[in-house]
Structures are given as C-alpha cells and as structure tokens.
C-alpha cells in the first residue's frame, strides 16, 4: 500500500503541473525540444528556433503524399541556416519526413548561396532579414537564382521597397541594403542579389496606431529579355486606374539587357502606397512563364505543395497584369491597418523581440498564417498578445455623418409622429426595430454608403531580446 502524500507534496505537484511546458513542447533528455507536425510552417519555426535557442523537431513531413519528405528547396534552406550559423546541427531522417534541429549562434560574416530553381530567392531571403540583425558581425550574403516568381514568394523588389522599410520602424536603418545585380525570371533564373544587414544591439518598442492617409504611390516596372515597351505599357495601364485617386504617382521602369537580364524572359510590376504616418501597403504581379512539356508535371507538383498557388492566367498581356496589380493595391489599402498582410508576421516577431515595454500596432484582419504565427511565438518565447477590436467596423466619416444627422434631427425635427415611435419600439423576435437596424450595420459595416473592414489593436510586452555581441552599435 502506497504511503499517503503530505500537503507539501501535493502543493509541489500542483506547482509542477502549472509550470509545465505548452502542449506541443516535449522534453528530450536534459534538452527541451519543441515538436511540430507538417511542413506548412517549416521556415518560421526554424527561424524562431535559432532566435530562441530552443531545439525543434518537425515530424510527419508529407508522409501521406506520393512524394514524401522534404523538397529540394527546403533542404537548401536548412543548409543555408547551417551555413549562416555556428554550431547548428541538423538531423534528417532517411525518408526525409522528420527534421531535428539544435540551433547554434549567429556569427555574421560574408556568405554565398545558390538557390534551387524550384523556389525564388525571396523564399530564402525573408528569414535572413530577421536573422541578420542579431549576428555578432554584419551579415553580407550573395544569392543567385530566380528573383521574382508569381504567387508563391515575395520578389526581391518587394523585399527591398517594403520589407526593409518595415525594419525602420524598429530602429534598424543604417547599413541595411539590398542590391539587385542581375534579374532572373522563372523558370531558368540567372538572377543575383547582394544583401547587407547591420548589427543591432536591441529592438525599439513599436507604437504604430495611426494608419494615416495615402499621400503618394510609387512602383517599379521591370522587364528582362522582352521588348522595353512592356515596362512602359504596364506603367500606362496602372496609371489609368491609380490616377483616379491620387495625383502623386511615380512609377519607375527598370529594363535589363544582356548578361544582367538572366536566362528567361519575364516582366512584372511592384506597387506600394505610403501614408503620412509611414504606413506602407503593397502589391505585385509577375508574368507566369509558359510551361514546357517536361516542366508541366513538375510545376503542377510544386503548386500542390503550397497554399498560395499562382492565380493569374497564363499568356496575360502587360496591360492585364498592370491592371490586376493596381486593383490588388487598392484592395490592400481598403483592408485597413498600418501593416499589409504580407508583413504581419515580421511586425509581430519584432514586437516580441522589442524592449521590455508594451508595443502596439494597428492591423487589419489577421491572416491564417499570422494566427498560426502567434501560436508559434507563444511556444518559443512564451509571449501572449492582446488583440482588441477597434470598435464597430465603420469608417470615421460614416460615424461623423451619423452624429451630424442625429444632431440635425434633434434640432429641426424634435417632434416625431406616434406612428414612427410605434415602429421604432415594435418588438420583432425579441428585438426592437432600432436594435435590428444596428445589428445589420455592425454585421455589414455599412452606414451612409461607406464601408470599412474591421481593424484590431495588437499589443504585447517585449522580452528585451539582446544581441550576443554586447558591443554592437
């Protein structure tokens, strides 16, 4: 018969249960290993593992598919992480369905990496934008491959003009640079970029709550191995839509010829809008290459591996591509917030790594990727976010118009007929007529013909993440 437990023993057991790791975290010997399943968020979990210093194990990578295991670009990404870190060990199972990573340190320095043609440079460059800031020395890396690809990853133009300016919000500016040496369109690539990132001692706290009003629109229209008129045609088509809203529009043309134009023809357009409070919204479209007979099967397999498959029709003209990009930009601005959907993850991560103070940012509706990223941030750093609605999804102008209308009715029409009072006070299915009207307004976000999607205030307390190099500037 087992002896009875004392009160002190029970209290210790309760404390141990309360301080237990998250459900997805397991203990492997004396080292804590976070375990996940699936390949959908492999990159973000590897980056969080390196920053937090916690080992990560990813199981069940495409174990139910015909072609199981890691893809070539995922293996290349793991080798890139192993290259830019010191002391990182990566174990891949024989079938490629399990990856175990023990992170090391970020020494910085100069590197070179050749990206596979199955994924663009943006897939490998996005994680380095964050990791490069916390190295012991400044990071300089030269990458070769496809510079722009439609529907899957951010192009190098988007990273240079939108992603890097988002780091300026956290005090990361001097020495941050991305140069496009050569452009390489899909499917043969041939592009080359040079990325430089400075050393950052700590991250500033973000307080970004005012999206402001759009004051100017900028863009880059590029083309390689096609007629230079393609770039001008895209500029004219985009202006035909954007000139209706704002006059300050300047679209650059960037035409590459000869050896700097890569190995495949292509063209694309990147647009961004800047508000008077430095809020950036962006959109881009890239031409989709015509698949050859031996590439059709491989391309269809790659598209099935990602949720964001290309949506543009093939054989599109430059005018159609530019009109689609302009409408995407307007849609991004209409979604509200101070940050566009493609960079929500970056702002959330830098808020967690910020100083030990409350950081706030106003965002539109969170994407499924951002929601999963919030869960992963809690698993690795133990930080919870507070997400508060910005009230009813009505624009400020609509609310002001409603208040003016109510004030006018009180002054000029103080006396209402008894029939109107009876109608307003009528109860239908447990609700008055006024309550039903207000419910419709809140559900659809429409009043006086104006629509505004819901916005949220996202806030958290930073962990005060510091660089390993204490002498960093």
Protein backbone atom coordinates (compact mmCIF):
# COMPACT_ATOMS: atom_id res chain seq x y z
CA UNK A 1 0.00 0.00 0.00
CA UNK A 2 1.43 3.35 -1.06
CA UNK A 3 2.01 5.91 1.71
CA UNK A 4 -0.27 8.94 1.86
CA UNK A 5 1.06 12.16 0.34
CA UNK A 6 1.59 15.15 2.57
CA UNK A 7 0.13 18.60 1.91
CA UNK A 8 3.56 19.94 0.92
CA UNK A 9 3.97 17.17 -1.65
CA UNK A 10 0.58 17.94 -3.21
CA UNK A 11 1.42 21.63 -3.43
CA UNK A 12 4.70 20.82 -5.19
CA UNK A 13 2.88 18.60 -7.71
CA UNK A 14 0.36 21.33 -8.44
CA UNK A 15 3.15 23.87 -8.98
CA UNK A 16 4.96 21.49 -11.33
CA UNK A 17 1.76 20.93 -13.30
CA UNK A 18 1.10 24.66 -13.53
CA UNK A 19 4.62 25.35 -14.83
CA UNK A 20 4.52 22.54 -17.38
CA UNK A 21 5.57 23.36 -20.98
CA UNK A 22 3.00 24.05 -23.69
CA UNK A 23 1.10 21.03 -25.07
CA UNK A 24 3.26 20.89 -28.22
CA UNK A 25 6.53 21.07 -26.28
CA UNK A 26 8.21 17.89 -25.08
CA UNK A 27 11.29 17.17 -23.02
CA UNK A 28 14.00 15.12 -24.71
CA UNK A 29 16.53 14.19 -22.04
CA UNK A 30 18.07 17.29 -20.48
CA UNK A 31 17.30 19.42 -23.54
CA UNK A 32 13.94 20.94 -24.31
CA UNK A 33 12.71 20.06 -27.80
CA UNK A 34 9.58 21.58 -29.32
CA UNK A 35 7.79 19.10 -31.55
CA UNK A 36 5.57 20.03 -34.50
CA UNK A 37 3.95 18.16 -37.37
CA UNK A 38 3.67 19.09 -41.03
CA UNK A 39 5.65 21.17 -43.47
CA UNK A 40 3.36 24.19 -43.78
CA UNK A 41 5.29 26.47 -41.39
CA UNK A 42 8.77 24.98 -41.55
CA UNK A 43 10.65 28.22 -42.24
CA UNK A 44 9.11 30.24 -39.44
CA UNK A 45 9.73 27.51 -36.87
CA UNK A 46 13.36 27.12 -37.89
CA UNK A 47 13.89 30.90 -37.56
CA UNK A 48 12.19 31.00 -34.16
CA UNK A 49 14.32 28.07 -33.04
CA UNK A 50 17.54 29.91 -33.93
CA UNK A 51 16.41 33.13 -32.22
CA UNK A 52 15.11 31.47 -29.05
CA UNK A 53 17.88 28.87 -28.77
CA UNK A 54 15.35 26.04 -28.38
CA UNK A 55 15.68 22.83 -30.34
CA UNK A 56 12.85 21.93 -32.67
CA UNK A 57 11.67 18.65 -34.16
CA UNK A 58 9.32 18.58 -37.14
CA UNK A 59 7.62 15.26 -37.87
CA UNK A 60 5.21 13.96 -40.48
CA UNK A 61 6.55 15.99 -43.41
CA UNK A 62 4.32 14.98 -46.34
CA UNK A 63 4.09 11.44 -45.02
CA UNK A 64 0.67 10.90 -46.66
CA UNK A 65 1.70 12.10 -50.13
CA UNK A 66 3.11 10.15 -53.03
CA UNK A 67 6.41 12.05 -52.96
CA UNK A 68 7.10 12.06 -49.23
CA UNK A 69 9.64 14.05 -47.29
CA UNK A 70 11.43 17.35 -47.79
CA UNK A 71 11.61 19.12 -51.13
CA UNK A 72 14.89 20.30 -52.62
CA UNK A 73 14.27 23.95 -51.70
CA UNK A 74 13.54 23.01 -48.08
CA UNK A 75 16.79 21.06 -47.87
CA UNK A 76 18.58 24.05 -49.42
CA UNK A 77 17.03 26.32 -46.79
CA UNK A 78 18.25 24.04 -43.99
CA UNK A 79 21.75 24.10 -45.48
CA UNK A 80 21.57 27.89 -45.63
CA UNK A 81 20.68 28.05 -41.92
CA UNK A 82 23.57 25.70 -41.20
CA UNK A 83 25.84 27.96 -43.24
CA UNK A 84 24.98 31.31 -41.61
CA UNK A 85 25.03 29.89 -38.05
CA UNK A 86 27.82 28.41 -35.98
CA UNK A 87 27.27 25.18 -34.08
CA UNK A 88 23.90 24.29 -35.57
CA UNK A 89 23.27 20.55 -36.01
CA UNK A 90 20.56 19.27 -38.34
CA UNK A 91 19.42 15.64 -38.46
CA UNK A 92 17.19 14.49 -41.32
CA UNK A 93 15.62 11.04 -41.26
CA UNK A 94 16.23 8.51 -44.02
CA UNK A 95 12.80 9.13 -45.57
CA UNK A 96 13.04 12.91 -45.12
CA UNK A 97 9.83 13.09 -43.07
CA UNK A 98 11.49 14.16 -39.80
CA UNK A 99 13.91 17.02 -39.09
CA UNK A 100 15.64 17.65 -35.78
CA UNK A 101 17.50 20.95 -35.38
CA UNK A 102 19.69 22.05 -32.48
CA UNK A 103 20.37 25.78 -33.06
CA UNK A 104 23.72 27.48 -32.74
CA UNK A 105 24.88 31.10 -32.73
CA UNK A 106 24.77 33.77 -35.42
CA UNK A 107 28.35 34.85 -36.16
CA UNK A 108 27.58 37.03 -39.19
CA UNK A 109 30.13 37.46 -41.95
CA UNK A 110 30.18 37.01 -45.73
CA UNK A 111 28.43 34.10 -47.47
CA UNK A 112 27.29 32.92 -50.89
CA UNK A 113 24.28 30.73 -51.60
CA UNK A 114 22.83 29.33 -54.82
CA UNK A 115 19.07 28.86 -54.61
CA UNK A 116 17.40 25.97 -56.48
CA UNK A 117 15.18 26.87 -59.42
CA UNK A 118 12.15 25.32 -57.72
CA UNK A 119 11.80 28.39 -55.48
CA UNK A 120 12.67 32.05 -55.82
CA UNK A 121 15.28 33.98 -53.83
CA UNK A 122 12.56 35.59 -51.69
CA UNK A 123 11.88 32.24 -50.01
CA UNK A 124 15.44 32.18 -48.66
CA UNK A 125 15.91 35.91 -48.16
CA UNK A 126 12.91 36.63 -45.91
CA UNK A 127 14.29 34.70 -42.88
CA UNK A 128 17.72 36.30 -43.30
CA UNK A 129 16.16 39.76 -42.98
CA UNK A 130 15.45 38.93 -39.33
CA UNK A 131 18.39 36.65 -38.51
CA UNK A 132 20.96 39.04 -39.96
CA UNK A 133 20.12 41.73 -37.39
CA UNK A 134 21.27 39.66 -34.41
CA UNK A 135 24.64 38.37 -35.55
CA UNK A 136 27.99 39.04 -33.94
CA UNK A 137 29.18 40.79 -37.11
CA UNK A 138 27.28 42.42 -40.01
CA UNK A 139 25.86 39.95 -42.49
CA UNK A 140 26.68 40.10 -46.20
CA UNK A 141 25.34 37.38 -48.47
CA UNK A 142 25.23 36.99 -52.23
CA UNK A 143 22.35 34.85 -53.54
CA UNK A 144 21.74 33.51 -57.03
CA UNK A 145 18.54 32.17 -58.55
CA UNK A 146 15.08 33.40 -59.53
CA UNK A 147 14.47 36.98 -58.40
CA UNK A 148 10.68 37.10 -58.98
CA UNK A 149 8.01 34.43 -59.11
CA UNK A 150 4.26 34.88 -59.24
CA UNK A 151 2.02 33.84 -56.36
CA UNK A 152 4.44 32.00 -54.07
CA UNK A 153 7.13 34.22 -52.55
CA UNK A 154 7.92 37.91 -52.29
CA UNK A 155 10.06 39.26 -55.08
CA UNK A 156 13.35 41.00 -54.38
CA UNK A 157 11.70 44.30 -55.34
CA UNK A 158 9.04 43.81 -52.68
CA UNK A 159 11.66 42.94 -50.06
CA UNK A 160 13.79 45.95 -50.98
CA UNK A 161 11.00 48.53 -51.10
CA UNK A 162 8.56 47.21 -48.46
CA UNK A 163 10.11 44.63 -46.14
CA UNK A 164 13.27 46.58 -45.31
CA UNK A 165 11.36 49.85 -44.59
CA UNK A 166 9.30 47.91 -42.04
CA UNK A 167 12.53 47.33 -40.11
CA UNK A 168 12.99 51.10 -39.95
CA UNK A 169 10.05 51.17 -37.54
CA UNK A 170 12.21 49.28 -35.04
CA UNK A 171 15.32 51.43 -35.42
CA UNK A 172 17.14 49.25 -37.96
CA UNK A 173 18.27 51.57 -40.74
CA UNK A 174 22.00 52.22 -41.15
CA UNK A 175 23.73 49.62 -43.27
CA UNK A 176 20.54 47.84 -44.34
CA UNK A 177 20.75 47.34 -48.10
CA UNK A 178 19.62 45.02 -50.89
CA UNK A 179 21.18 45.39 -54.33
CA UNK A 180 19.86 43.67 -57.47
CA UNK A 181 22.92 42.80 -59.52
CA UNK A 182 21.11 40.67 -62.11
CA UNK A 183 17.47 39.84 -62.72
CA UNK A 184 16.41 36.27 -63.31
CA UNK A 185 12.84 35.39 -64.21
CA UNK A 186 11.33 31.91 -63.91
CA UNK A 187 11.89 29.17 -64.87
CA UNK A 188 15.65 29.32 -65.59
CA UNK A 189 16.59 32.14 -63.22
CA UNK A 190 20.08 33.59 -63.54
CA UNK A 191 19.49 36.47 -61.12
CA UNK A 192 21.85 37.69 -58.43
CA UNK A 193 21.29 39.89 -55.38
CA UNK A 194 23.53 41.20 -52.60
CA UNK A 195 22.05 41.65 -49.12
CA UNK A 196 23.76 43.55 -46.33
CA UNK A 197 22.40 43.74 -42.80
CA UNK A 198 23.88 45.68 -39.85
CA UNK A 199 24.32 44.51 -36.28
CA UNK A 200 21.57 45.63 -33.90
CA UNK A 201 22.05 45.74 -30.15
CA UNK A 202 18.35 45.83 -29.28
CA UNK A 203 15.00 46.47 -30.93
CA UNK A 204 12.94 49.59 -30.27
CA UNK A 205 9.39 49.37 -28.99
CA UNK A 206 6.74 49.92 -31.64
CA UNK A 207 3.76 52.21 -31.14
CA UNK A 208 2.04 52.36 -34.53
CA UNK A 209 -1.66 53.12 -34.15
CA UNK A 210 -2.47 55.70 -36.85
CA UNK A 211 -2.62 54.44 -40.45
CA UNK A 212 -2.99 57.99 -41.76
CA UNK A 213 -3.95 58.95 -45.31
CA UNK A 214 -2.26 57.90 -48.52
CA UNK A 215 -0.02 60.71 -49.78
CA UNK A 216 1.91 59.06 -52.64
CA UNK A 217 2.22 55.90 -54.70
CA UNK A 218 5.45 54.50 -56.06
CA UNK A 219 6.22 51.49 -58.20
CA UNK A 220 8.81 49.58 -60.23
CA UNK A 221 8.02 48.18 -63.67
CA UNK A 222 10.75 45.77 -64.78
CA UNK A 223 11.35 43.55 -67.77
CA UNK A 224 14.03 41.09 -68.89
CA UNK A 225 14.62 39.62 -72.35
CA UNK A 226 11.44 41.19 -73.75
CA UNK A 227 10.70 44.42 -75.53
CA UNK A 228 11.46 47.53 -73.39
CA UNK A 229 7.99 48.78 -74.30
CA UNK A 230 6.49 46.17 -71.97
CA UNK A 231 7.60 48.23 -68.97
CA UNK A 232 6.08 51.42 -70.38
CA UNK A 233 2.83 49.66 -71.21
CA UNK A 234 2.50 48.44 -67.63
CA UNK A 235 3.10 51.95 -66.30
CA UNK A 236 0.40 53.46 -68.50
CA UNK A 237 -2.13 50.76 -67.61
CA UNK A 238 -1.52 51.12 -63.87
CA UNK A 239 -1.81 54.90 -64.07
CA UNK A 240 -5.19 54.60 -65.79
CA UNK A 241 -6.56 53.17 -62.52
CA UNK A 242 -4.50 54.91 -59.84
CA UNK A 243 -4.77 58.45 -61.27
CA UNK A 244 -8.43 58.49 -60.23
CA UNK A 245 -7.47 58.52 -56.55
CA UNK A 246 -4.22 60.46 -56.08
CA UNK A 247 -2.03 62.68 -58.28
CA UNK A 248 1.36 61.96 -56.65
CA UNK A 249 2.27 58.79 -58.59
CA UNK A 250 5.72 57.94 -59.86
CA UNK A 251 6.41 54.56 -61.45
CA UNK A 252 9.98 53.68 -62.37
CA UNK A 253 10.96 51.50 -65.32
CA UNK A 254 13.81 49.04 -64.86
CA UNK A 255 14.82 47.27 -68.08
CA UNK A 256 17.65 44.72 -68.05
CA UNK A 257 19.56 43.66 -71.15
CA UNK A 258 22.45 41.38 -71.98
CA UNK A 259 24.07 39.30 -69.26
CA UNK A 260 22.21 41.15 -66.48
CA UNK A 261 18.82 40.01 -67.79
CA UNK A 262 19.01 36.39 -66.65
CA UNK A 263 18.19 33.31 -68.69
CA UNK A 264 14.41 33.59 -69.17
CA UNK A 265 12.07 36.33 -70.43
CA UNK A 266 9.76 37.95 -67.94
CA UNK A 267 8.23 41.18 -66.66
CA UNK A 268 6.44 42.38 -63.56
CA UNK A 269 5.12 45.34 -61.61
CA UNK A 270 5.52 46.21 -57.91
CA UNK A 271 3.33 48.96 -56.43
CA UNK A 272 3.35 50.49 -52.96
CA UNK A 273 1.44 53.26 -51.25
CA UNK A 274 2.89 55.40 -48.45
CA UNK A 275 0.75 57.32 -45.95
CA UNK A 276 1.61 60.45 -44.00
CA UNK A 277 2.34 58.24 -40.97
CA UNK A 278 4.71 55.91 -42.91
CA UNK A 279 2.19 53.08 -43.26
CA UNK A 280 3.01 51.01 -46.34
CA UNK A 281 0.67 48.85 -48.39
CA UNK A 282 1.97 46.98 -51.41
CA UNK A 283 1.01 44.63 -54.22
CA UNK A 284 2.86 42.98 -57.06
CA UNK A 285 2.28 40.77 -60.08
CA UNK A 286 4.76 38.85 -62.20
CA UNK A 287 4.33 37.23 -65.58
CA UNK A 288 3.82 33.48 -65.50
CA UNK A 289 6.10 31.56 -67.91
CA UNK A 290 4.67 29.12 -70.41
CA UNK A 291 5.45 25.59 -69.20
CA UNK A 292 7.27 23.21 -71.49
CA UNK A 293 6.36 19.56 -71.91
CA UNK A 294 8.93 18.31 -69.40
CA UNK A 295 8.13 21.04 -66.86
CA UNK A 296 4.35 20.70 -66.68
CA UNK A 297 4.35 17.72 -64.31
CA UNK A 298 6.98 19.21 -62.02
CA UNK A 299 5.28 22.59 -61.86
CA UNK A 300 1.90 21.05 -61.02
CA UNK A 301 3.52 19.08 -58.21
CA UNK A 302 5.15 22.19 -56.76
CA UNK A 303 1.93 24.16 -56.90
CA UNK A 304 0.16 21.47 -54.89
CA UNK A 305 2.77 21.82 -52.14
CA UNK A 306 1.86 25.42 -51.28
CA UNK A 307 -1.38 27.08 -50.37
CA UNK A 308 -0.60 30.27 -52.30
CA UNK A 309 -0.54 28.84 -55.81
CA UNK A 310 -0.35 31.21 -58.79
CA UNK A 311 -3.75 32.67 -59.58
CA UNK A 312 -3.03 34.76 -62.67
CA UNK A 313 -3.97 33.29 -66.06
CA UNK A 314 -1.16 32.43 -68.42
CA UNK A 315 -0.39 34.41 -71.58
CA UNK A 316 -1.54 37.66 -69.95
CA UNK A 317 -0.64 40.93 -71.63
CA UNK A 318 1.31 43.67 -69.79
CA UNK A 319 -1.87 45.76 -69.58
CA UNK A 320 -3.83 42.98 -67.89
CA UNK A 321 -1.00 42.35 -65.46
CA UNK A 322 -0.74 46.04 -64.53
CA UNK A 323 -4.49 46.47 -64.04
CA UNK A 324 -4.52 43.43 -61.77
CA UNK A 325 -1.63 44.86 -59.72
CA UNK A 326 -3.36 48.24 -59.34
CA UNK A 327 -6.56 46.59 -58.10
CA UNK A 328 -4.57 44.46 -55.67
CA UNK A 329 -3.02 47.63 -54.24
CA UNK A 330 -6.41 49.26 -53.80
CA UNK A 331 -7.68 46.10 -52.11
CA UNK A 332 -4.70 46.10 -49.73
CA UNK A 333 -5.33 49.72 -48.77
CA UNK A 334 -9.04 49.03 -48.29
CA UNK A 335 -8.29 46.29 -45.75
CA UNK A 336 -7.01 48.95 -43.37
CA UNK A 337 -4.38 48.80 -40.67
CA UNK A 338 -0.83 50.12 -40.53
CA UNK A 339 0.72 46.93 -41.94
CA UNK A 340 -0.21 44.92 -45.01
CA UNK A 341 -0.98 41.20 -44.78
CA UNK A 342 2.34 40.00 -46.22
CA UNK A 343 4.33 41.64 -43.39
CA UNK A 344 2.16 40.98 -40.36
CA UNK A 345 4.48 38.17 -39.27
CA UNK A 346 7.54 40.45 -39.37
CA UNK A 347 5.95 43.13 -37.20
CA UNK A 348 4.64 40.55 -34.71
CA UNK A 349 8.08 38.97 -34.35
CA UNK A 350 9.90 42.27 -33.90
CA UNK A 351 7.32 43.36 -31.30
CA UNK A 352 8.15 40.24 -29.28
CA UNK A 353 11.90 40.88 -29.59
CA UNK A 354 11.50 44.54 -28.60
CA UNK A 355 12.40 46.13 -25.28
CA UNK A 356 10.51 45.23 -22.11
CA UNK A 357 7.67 47.63 -22.76
CA UNK A 358 4.21 47.46 -24.28
CA UNK A 359 4.30 47.58 -28.08
CA UNK A 360 1.17 48.30 -30.09
CA UNK A 361 0.29 48.09 -33.75
CA UNK A 362 -2.97 48.59 -35.59
CA UNK A 363 -3.70 45.85 -38.11
CA UNK A 364 -6.46 44.69 -40.38
CA UNK A 365 -7.90 41.21 -40.20
CA UNK A 366 -5.20 38.70 -39.29
CA UNK A 367 -4.43 36.09 -41.93
CA UNK A 368 -4.43 32.35 -41.07
CA UNK A 369 -0.64 32.42 -41.38
CA UNK A 370 -0.42 35.25 -38.81
CA UNK A 371 -2.75 33.42 -36.43
CA UNK A 372 -0.56 30.33 -36.55
CA UNK A 373 2.49 32.55 -36.11
CA UNK A 374 1.03 33.91 -32.88
CA UNK A 375 0.76 30.35 -31.57
CA UNK A 376 4.34 29.60 -32.54
CA UNK A 377 5.58 32.79 -30.85
CA UNK A 378 3.96 31.63 -27.63
CA UNK A 379 5.55 28.19 -27.92
CA UNK A 380 9.06 29.57 -28.42
CA UNK A 381 9.04 32.79 -26.35
CA UNK A 382 6.04 32.39 -24.04
CA UNK A 383 4.61 35.77 -25.11
CA UNK A 384 0.87 36.29 -25.36
CA UNK A 385 -0.70 39.01 -27.48
CA UNK A 386 -3.72 41.11 -26.64
CA UNK A 387 -5.96 41.59 -29.66
CA UNK A 388 -8.68 44.21 -29.18
CA UNK A 389 -11.24 45.22 -31.76
CA UNK A 390 -11.21 48.86 -32.84
CA UNK A 391 -14.97 49.08 -32.30
CA UNK A 392 -17.67 48.80 -34.92
CA UNK A 393 -16.36 48.33 -38.47
CA UNK A 394 -17.44 51.82 -39.54
CA UNK A 395 -15.29 54.48 -41.11
CA UNK A 396 -14.67 57.69 -39.19
CA UNK A 397 -16.51 59.72 -41.82
CA UNK A 398 -19.55 57.50 -41.57
CA UNK A 399 -19.69 57.91 -37.79
CA UNK A 400 -19.32 61.68 -38.10
CA UNK A 401 -22.10 61.82 -40.71
CA UNK A 402 -24.36 59.80 -38.44
CA UNK A 403 -23.69 62.12 -35.50
CA UNK A 404 -24.44 65.19 -37.62
CA UNK A 405 -27.62 63.61 -38.87
CA UNK A 406 -28.75 62.78 -35.34
CA UNK A 407 -27.97 66.33 -34.18
CA UNK A 408 -29.97 67.81 -37.06
CA UNK A 409 -32.92 65.60 -36.31
CA UNK A 410 -32.88 66.65 -32.65
CA UNK A 411 -32.84 70.36 -33.52
CA UNK A 412 -35.14 70.53 -36.53
CA UNK A 413 -37.39 67.55 -36.02
CA UNK A 414 -37.91 67.31 -32.29
CA UNK A 415 -41.45 66.12 -32.70
CA UNK A 416 -41.97 62.71 -34.26
CA UNK A 417 -45.24 61.14 -35.18
CA UNK A 418 -46.70 58.48 -32.97
CA UNK A 419 -46.59 56.02 -35.86
CA UNK A 420 -42.78 56.35 -36.14
CA UNK A 421 -42.41 55.90 -32.39
CA UNK A 422 -44.56 52.80 -32.50
CA UNK A 423 -42.49 51.44 -35.41
CA UNK A 424 -39.17 52.04 -33.61
CA UNK A 425 -40.46 50.48 -30.43
CA UNK A 426 -42.02 47.49 -32.16
CA UNK A 427 -40.60 44.19 -30.94
CA UNK A 428 -39.78 41.57 -33.57
CA UNK A 429 -38.41 38.20 -32.40
CA UNK A 430 -37.26 39.71 -29.10
CA UNK A 431 -35.57 42.77 -30.66
CA UNK A 432 -36.77 46.28 -31.39
CA UNK A 433 -36.58 47.74 -34.88
CA UNK A 434 -33.68 50.02 -33.88
CA UNK A 435 -31.74 47.06 -32.49
CA UNK A 436 -32.26 45.13 -35.71
CA UNK A 437 -31.01 48.07 -37.80
CA UNK A 438 -27.95 48.49 -35.58
CA UNK A 439 -27.19 44.75 -35.82
CA UNK A 440 -27.29 44.95 -39.63
CA UNK A 441 -24.93 47.95 -39.56
CA UNK A 442 -22.44 46.17 -37.30
CA UNK A 443 -22.62 42.95 -39.30
CA UNK A 444 -22.07 44.51 -42.73
CA UNK A 445 -20.00 47.53 -41.70
CA UNK A 446 -22.07 49.84 -43.92
CA UNK A 447 -23.56 53.19 -42.97
CA UNK A 448 -24.41 56.05 -45.31
CA UNK A 449 -22.99 54.04 -48.21
CA UNK A 450 -19.47 53.77 -46.70
CA UNK A 451 -17.67 50.53 -45.98
CA UNK A 452 -14.69 49.84 -43.75
CA UNK A 453 -13.44 46.39 -42.75
CA UNK A 454 -12.77 45.62 -39.08
CA UNK A 455 -9.43 46.57 -37.57
CA UNK A 456 -7.67 45.33 -34.45
CA UNK A 457 -5.15 46.70 -31.99
CA UNK A 458 -2.45 44.10 -31.39
CA UNK A 459 -0.22 44.61 -28.36
CA UNK A 460 2.30 42.65 -26.31
CA UNK A 461 5.17 43.12 -23.87
CA UNK A 462 8.58 42.57 -25.45
CA UNK A 463 11.16 40.21 -23.99
CA UNK A 464 14.07 42.61 -24.38
CA UNK A 465 15.94 40.37 -26.81
CA UNK A 466 19.62 41.38 -26.89
CA UNK A 467 22.37 40.68 -29.36
CA UNK A 468 25.08 38.22 -28.37
CA UNK A 469 27.61 40.90 -29.32
CA UNK A 470 27.24 43.34 -26.43
CA UNK A 471 29.47 45.87 -28.14
CA UNK A 472 27.10 46.20 -31.09
CA UNK A 473 26.26 49.71 -32.13
